[in-house]
């Protein structure tokens, strides 16, 4: 077991508050090991992937509108697991093709993380994709407006300093660690 990990039991009572297309909101009571019962509002999310695509001496990022924060954000390609039990690597392959028009010959699992474990069940699987080639005939989702940004690896620190998206920051920091280890 890793530091900080430990099992809590399932909720002892749950009330559904909202059922959405991507997330569901519920209020659940949990019994802690000491017997204390706490109530938490929880958003259930199917999980996602983030891809760190490295092509030559660049990392491929995407700039896209994020209406929830009313900004265009600079992010690594990513996407939601579409079906219960969908293999995260299959999802990563699909999202890499849809968002940046690439396929990868080499994939490396870079671990995963919760985005906001106090309120959200979303777990993001992080993959590095290398040995990239262009793919055609794959389109982004119709509601996406994506601009591909090739960021030079020699300026990776600038990207880390400028991104405001957590999954991108984690992916870029893991890439920086990989590059340092390989240097």
C-alpha atoms as a PDB file:
ATOM      1  CA  UNK A   1       0.000   0.000   0.000  1.00  0.00           C
ATOM      2  CA  UNK A   2       1.324   3.450  -0.914  1.00  0.00           C
ATOM      3  CA  UNK A   3       1.562   6.284   1.584  1.00  0.00           C
ATOM      4  CA  UNK A   4      -1.800   7.865   2.176  1.00  0.00           C
ATOM      5  CA  UNK A   5      -3.781   4.971   0.714  1.00  0.00           C
ATOM      6  CA  UNK A   6      -6.204   3.044   2.807  1.00  0.00           C
ATOM      7  CA  UNK A   7      -9.603   1.531   2.443  1.00  0.00           C
ATOM      8  CA  UNK A   8     -12.800   3.127   3.576  1.00  0.00           C
ATOM      9  CA  UNK A   9     -15.992   1.186   3.249  1.00  0.00           C
ATOM     10  CA  UNK A  10     -18.763   1.989   0.815  1.00  0.00           C
ATOM     11  CA  UNK A  11     -21.422   4.482   1.831  1.00  0.00           C
ATOM     12  CA  UNK A  12     -23.997   3.318   4.364  1.00  0.00           C
ATOM     13  CA  UNK A  13     -26.641   5.568   2.797  1.00  0.00           C
ATOM     14  CA  UNK A  14     -26.807   7.468  -0.489  1.00  0.00           C
ATOM     15  CA  UNK A  15     -29.279   9.970  -1.895  1.00  0.00           C
ATOM     16  CA  UNK A  16     -29.044  10.814  -5.596  1.00  0.00           C
ATOM     17  CA  UNK A  17     -29.142  14.608  -6.089  1.00  0.00           C
ATOM     18  CA  UNK A  18     -28.505  14.938  -9.821  1.00  0.00           C
ATOM     19  CA  UNK A  19     -27.904  12.526 -12.704  1.00  0.00           C
ATOM     20  CA  UNK A  20     -25.984  14.177 -15.523  1.00  0.00           C
ATOM     21  CA  UNK A  21     -24.433  13.238 -18.840  1.00  0.00           C
ATOM     22  CA  UNK A  22     -20.855  13.196 -17.487  1.00  0.00           C
ATOM     23  CA  UNK A  23     -21.153  13.399 -13.703  1.00  0.00           C
ATOM     24  CA  UNK A  24     -23.679  12.374 -11.089  1.00  0.00           C
ATOM     25  CA  UNK A  25     -24.030  14.173  -7.767  1.00  0.00           C
ATOM     26  CA  UNK A  26     -24.991  12.323  -4.606  1.00  0.00           C
ATOM     27  CA  UNK A  27     -25.040  12.831  -0.855  1.00  0.00           C
ATOM     28  CA  UNK A  28     -23.602   9.834   0.994  1.00  0.00           C
ATOM     29  CA  UNK A  29     -23.062   8.883   4.614  1.00  0.00           C
ATOM     30  CA  UNK A  30     -19.848   7.036   5.469  1.00  0.00           C
ATOM     31  CA  UNK A  31     -18.884   5.252   8.666  1.00  0.00           C
ATOM     32  CA  UNK A  32     -15.235   5.793   9.566  1.00  0.00           C
ATOM     33  CA  UNK A  33     -13.188   3.113  11.361  1.00  0.00           C
ATOM     34  CA  UNK A  34     -13.759   4.875  14.704  1.00  0.00           C
ATOM     35  CA  UNK A  35     -17.549   4.676  14.215  1.00  0.00           C
ATOM     36  CA  UNK A  36     -18.071   8.334  13.341  1.00  0.00           C
ATOM     37  CA  UNK A  37     -20.587   8.898  10.539  1.00  0.00           C
ATOM     38  CA  UNK A  38     -19.896  11.743   8.107  1.00  0.00           C
ATOM     39  CA  UNK A  39     -21.969  13.048   5.200  1.00  0.00           C
ATOM     40  CA  UNK A  40     -20.264  13.995   1.958  1.00  0.00           C
ATOM     41  CA  UNK A  41     -21.517  15.383  -1.337  1.00  0.00           C
ATOM     42  CA  UNK A  42     -19.741  13.420  -4.055  1.00  0.00           C
ATOM     43  CA  UNK A  43     -19.583  13.820  -7.833  1.00  0.00           C
ATOM     44  CA  UNK A  44     -19.169  10.454  -9.525  1.00  0.00           C
ATOM     45  CA  UNK A  45     -17.116  10.549 -12.732  1.00  0.00           C
ATOM     46  CA  UNK A  46     -16.172   7.593 -14.982  1.00  0.00           C
ATOM     47  CA  UNK A  47     -12.462   8.495 -15.026  1.00  0.00           C
ATOM     48  CA  UNK A  48     -10.202   9.858 -17.721  1.00  0.00           C
ATOM     49  CA  UNK A  49      -6.806   9.762 -19.374  1.00  0.00           C
ATOM     50  CA  UNK A  50      -4.153  12.380 -20.033  1.00  0.00           C
ATOM     51  CA  UNK A  51      -1.511  11.838 -22.705  1.00  0.00           C
ATOM     52  CA  UNK A  52       2.006  13.302 -22.778  1.00  0.00           C
ATOM     53  CA  UNK A  53       2.790  13.101 -26.521  1.00  0.00           C
ATOM     54  CA  UNK A  54       6.474  13.678 -27.275  1.00  0.00           C
ATOM     55  CA  UNK A  55       7.386  14.227 -30.918  1.00  0.00           C
ATOM     56  CA  UNK A  56      11.001  14.913 -31.792  1.00  0.00           C
ATOM     57  CA  UNK A  57      12.008  17.738 -29.452  1.00  0.00           C
ATOM     58  CA  UNK A  58       8.450  18.916 -28.644  1.00  0.00           C
ATOM     59  CA  UNK A  59       5.564  18.006 -26.409  1.00  0.00           C
ATOM     60  CA  UNK A  60       2.195  18.396 -28.112  1.00  0.00           C
ATOM     61  CA  UNK A  61      -0.322  20.504 -26.215  1.00  0.00           C
ATOM     62  CA  UNK A  62      -3.790  21.710 -27.123  1.00  0.00           C
ATOM     63  CA  UNK A  63      -5.360  25.107 -26.612  1.00  0.00           C
ATOM     64  CA  UNK A  64      -9.109  24.960 -26.247  1.00  0.00           C
ATOM     65  CA  UNK A  65     -12.030  26.883 -24.806  1.00  0.00           C
ATOM     66  CA  UNK A  66     -13.090  25.828 -21.323  1.00  0.00           C
ATOM     67  CA  UNK A  67     -16.416  27.475 -20.715  1.00  0.00           C
ATOM     68  CA  UNK A  68     -16.589  26.459 -17.026  1.00  0.00           C
ATOM     69  CA  UNK A  69     -13.635  28.755 -16.236  1.00  0.00           C
ATOM     70  CA  UNK A  70     -14.326  31.177 -19.114  1.00  0.00           C
ATOM     71  CA  UNK A  71     -10.807  30.817 -20.541  1.00  0.00           C
ATOM     72  CA  UNK A  72      -8.871  29.217 -23.343  1.00  0.00           C
ATOM     73  CA  UNK A  73      -6.561  26.778 -21.587  1.00  0.00           C
ATOM     74  CA  UNK A  74      -3.313  25.136 -22.617  1.00  0.00           C
ATOM     75  CA  UNK A  75      -3.533  21.418 -21.865  1.00  0.00           C
ATOM     76  CA  UNK A  76      -2.170  18.024 -22.682  1.00  0.00           C
ATOM     77  CA  UNK A  77      -4.543  15.921 -24.814  1.00  0.00           C
ATOM     78  CA  UNK A  78      -7.016  14.121 -22.579  1.00  0.00           C
ATOM     79  CA  UNK A  79     -10.422  12.558 -22.496  1.00  0.00           C
ATOM     80  CA  UNK A  80     -13.070  10.780 -20.494  1.00  0.00           C
ATOM     81  CA  UNK A  81     -13.415   7.020 -20.344  1.00  0.00           C
ATOM     82  CA  UNK A  82     -16.515   6.468 -22.469  1.00  0.00           C
ATOM     83  CA  UNK A  83     -17.812   3.190 -21.124  1.00  0.00           C
ATOM     84  CA  UNK A  84     -17.681   1.416 -17.780  1.00  0.00           C
ATOM     85  CA  UNK A  85     -14.600  -0.765 -17.778  1.00  0.00           C
ATOM     86  CA  UNK A  86     -13.080   0.870 -20.877  1.00  0.00           C
ATOM     87  CA  UNK A  87      -9.363   0.165 -21.007  1.00  0.00           C
ATOM     88  CA  UNK A  88      -7.531   3.433 -20.233  1.00  0.00           C
ATOM     89  CA  UNK A  89      -4.869   2.754 -22.888  1.00  0.00           C
ATOM     90  CA  UNK A  90      -7.564   2.258 -25.544  1.00  0.00           C
ATOM     91  CA  UNK A  91      -9.079   5.578 -24.469  1.00  0.00           C
ATOM     92  CA  UNK A  92      -5.644   7.256 -24.644  1.00  0.00           C
ATOM     93  CA  UNK A  93      -5.110   5.944 -28.176  1.00  0.00           C
ATOM     94  CA  UNK A  94      -8.499   7.288 -29.260  1.00  0.00           C
ATOM     95  CA  UNK A  95      -7.998  10.698 -27.653  1.00  0.00           C
ATOM     96  CA  UNK A  96      -4.478  11.118 -29.102  1.00  0.00           C
ATOM     97  CA  UNK A  97      -5.893  10.492 -32.591  1.00  0.00           C
ATOM     98  CA  UNK A  98      -8.932  12.738 -32.092  1.00  0.00           C
ATOM     99  CA  UNK A  99      -7.190  15.677 -30.446  1.00  0.00           C
ATOM    100  CA  UNK A 100      -3.807  15.872 -32.184  1.00  0.00           C
ATOM    101  CA  UNK A 101      -4.154  13.525 -35.166  1.00  0.00           C
ATOM    102  CA  UNK A 102      -1.392  11.167 -34.027  1.00  0.00           C
ATOM    103  CA  UNK A 103      -0.853   7.503 -33.262  1.00  0.00           C
ATOM    104  CA  UNK A 104       1.966   6.293 -31.035  1.00  0.00           C
ATOM    105  CA  UNK A 105       4.106   3.202 -31.519  1.00  0.00           C
ATOM    106  CA  UNK A 106       5.342   3.395 -27.915  1.00  0.00           C
ATOM    107  CA  UNK A 107       3.220   3.936 -24.807  1.00  0.00           C
ATOM    108  CA  UNK A 108       4.443   4.242 -21.236  1.00  0.00           C
ATOM    109  CA  UNK A 109       2.214   4.193 -18.172  1.00  0.00           C
ATOM    110  CA  UNK A 110       3.157   7.192 -16.008  1.00  0.00           C
ATOM    111  CA  UNK A 111       0.774   6.375 -13.155  1.00  0.00           C
ATOM    112  CA  UNK A 112      -2.447   8.035 -12.220  1.00  0.00           C
ATOM    113  CA  UNK A 113      -4.031  10.417  -9.765  1.00  0.00           C
ATOM    114  CA  UNK A 114      -7.294  11.713  -8.336  1.00  0.00           C
ATOM    115  CA  UNK A 115      -8.176  15.242  -9.397  1.00  0.00           C
ATOM    116  CA  UNK A 116     -10.134  16.372  -6.324  1.00  0.00           C
ATOM    117  CA  UNK A 117     -10.615  13.401  -3.946  1.00  0.00           C
ATOM    118  CA  UNK A 118     -12.561  15.397  -1.365  1.00  0.00           C
ATOM    119  CA  UNK A 119     -15.524  15.767  -3.734  1.00  0.00           C
ATOM    120  CA  UNK A 120     -14.887  13.932  -7.017  1.00  0.00           C
ATOM    121  CA  UNK A 121     -14.291  10.244  -7.841  1.00  0.00           C
ATOM    122  CA  UNK A 122     -12.459  11.046 -11.113  1.00  0.00           C
ATOM    123  CA  UNK A 123      -9.187   9.119 -11.462  1.00  0.00           C
ATOM    124  CA  UNK A 124      -6.925  10.117 -14.367  1.00  0.00           C
ATOM    125  CA  UNK A 125      -4.518   7.633 -15.964  1.00  0.00           C
ATOM    126  CA  UNK A 126      -1.376   9.317 -17.332  1.00  0.00           C
ATOM    127  CA  UNK A 127       0.468   7.926 -20.376  1.00  0.00           C
ATOM    128  CA  UNK A 128       3.508   9.057 -22.342  1.00  0.00           C
ATOM    129  CA  UNK A 129       3.186   8.539 -26.093  1.00  0.00           C
ATOM    130  CA  UNK A 130       6.301   8.489 -28.296  1.00  0.00           C
ATOM    131  CA  UNK A 131       7.301   7.346 -31.779  1.00  0.00           C
ATOM    132  CA  UNK A 132       4.372   9.313 -33.164  1.00  0.00           C
ATOM    133  CA  UNK A 133       2.943   9.198 -36.652  1.00  0.00           C
ATOM    134  CA  UNK A 134       0.133  11.157 -38.254  1.00  0.00           C
ATOM    135  CA  UNK A 135      -3.296   9.601 -38.633  1.00  0.00           C
ATOM    136  CA  UNK A 136      -6.029  10.771 -40.953  1.00  0.00           C
ATOM    137  CA  UNK A 137      -9.768  10.351 -41.011  1.00  0.00           C
ATOM    138  CA  UNK A 138     -10.208  10.798 -37.267  1.00  0.00           C
ATOM    139  CA  UNK A 139     -12.093  13.891 -36.203  1.00  0.00           C
ATOM    140  CA  UNK A 140     -12.357  15.569 -32.834  1.00  0.00           C
ATOM    141  CA  UNK A 141     -15.738  15.587 -31.138  1.00  0.00           C
ATOM    142  CA  UNK A 142     -18.052  18.033 -32.908  1.00  0.00           C
ATOM    143  CA  UNK A 143     -18.208  20.401 -29.929  1.00  0.00           C
ATOM    144  CA  UNK A 144     -14.425  20.662 -29.536  1.00  0.00           C
ATOM    145  CA  UNK A 145     -12.390  23.586 -30.903  1.00  0.00           C
ATOM    146  CA  UNK A 146      -8.770  22.507 -30.542  1.00  0.00           C
ATOM    147  CA  UNK A 147      -5.572  24.249 -31.615  1.00  0.00           C
ATOM    148  CA  UNK A 148      -2.431  22.073 -31.501  1.00  0.00           C
ATOM    149  CA  UNK A 149       0.583  23.719 -29.865  1.00  0.00           C
ATOM    150  CA  UNK A 150       4.048  22.206 -30.343  1.00  0.00           C
ATOM    151  CA  UNK A 151       5.980  23.200 -27.211  1.00  0.00           C
ATOM    152  CA  UNK A 152       9.792  22.829 -27.344  1.00  0.00           C
ATOM    153  CA  UNK A 153      11.137  20.471 -24.683  1.00  0.00           C
ATOM    154  CA  UNK A 154      13.985  22.931 -24.031  1.00  0.00           C
ATOM    155  CA  UNK A 155      11.291  25.339 -22.769  1.00  0.00           C
ATOM    156  CA  UNK A 156       9.403  22.756 -20.715  1.00  0.00           C
ATOM    157  CA  UNK A 157       9.914  24.828 -17.559  1.00  0.00           C
ATOM    158  CA  UNK A 158       8.046  27.728 -19.182  1.00  0.00           C
ATOM    159  CA  UNK A 159       5.098  25.442 -19.935  1.00  0.00           C
ATOM    160  CA  UNK A 160       5.086  24.165 -16.351  1.00  0.00           C
ATOM    161  CA  UNK A 161       5.066  27.759 -15.105  1.00  0.00           C
ATOM    162  CA  UNK A 162       2.274  28.888 -17.427  1.00  0.00           C
ATOM    163  CA  UNK A 163      -0.322  26.085 -17.452  1.00  0.00           C
ATOM    164  CA  UNK A 164      -3.284  26.342 -15.095  1.00  0.00           C
ATOM    165  CA  UNK A 165      -4.738  22.888 -15.685  1.00  0.00           C
ATOM    166  CA  UNK A 166      -3.866  20.341 -12.974  1.00  0.00           C
ATOM    167  CA  UNK A 167      -3.708  17.223 -15.162  1.00  0.00           C
ATOM    168  CA  UNK A 168      -1.402  19.039 -17.580  1.00  0.00           C
ATOM    169  CA  UNK A 169       0.828  20.251 -14.788  1.00  0.00           C
ATOM    170  CA  UNK A 170       1.119  16.721 -13.390  1.00  0.00           C
ATOM    171  CA  UNK A 171       1.847  15.260 -16.838  1.00  0.00           C
ATOM    172  CA  UNK A 172       4.490  17.896 -17.615  1.00  0.00           C
ATOM    173  CA  UNK A 173       6.161  17.452 -14.221  1.00  0.00           C
ATOM    174  CA  UNK A 174       6.295  13.696 -14.795  1.00  0.00           C
ATOM    175  CA  UNK A 175       7.768  14.337 -18.261  1.00  0.00           C
ATOM    176  CA  UNK A 176      10.370  16.665 -16.747  1.00  0.00           C
ATOM    177  CA  UNK A 177      11.319  13.936 -14.260  1.00  0.00           C
ATOM    178  CA  UNK A 178      11.642  11.416 -17.116  1.00  0.00           C
ATOM    179  CA  UNK A 179      13.855  13.766 -19.124  1.00  0.00           C
ATOM    180  CA  UNK A 180      16.065  14.478 -16.103  1.00  0.00           C
ATOM    181  CA  UNK A 181      16.442  10.762 -15.394  1.00  0.00           C
ATOM    182  CA  UNK A 182      17.411  10.104 -19.007  1.00  0.00           C
ATOM    183  CA  UNK A 183      19.916  12.957 -19.228  1.00  0.00           C
END
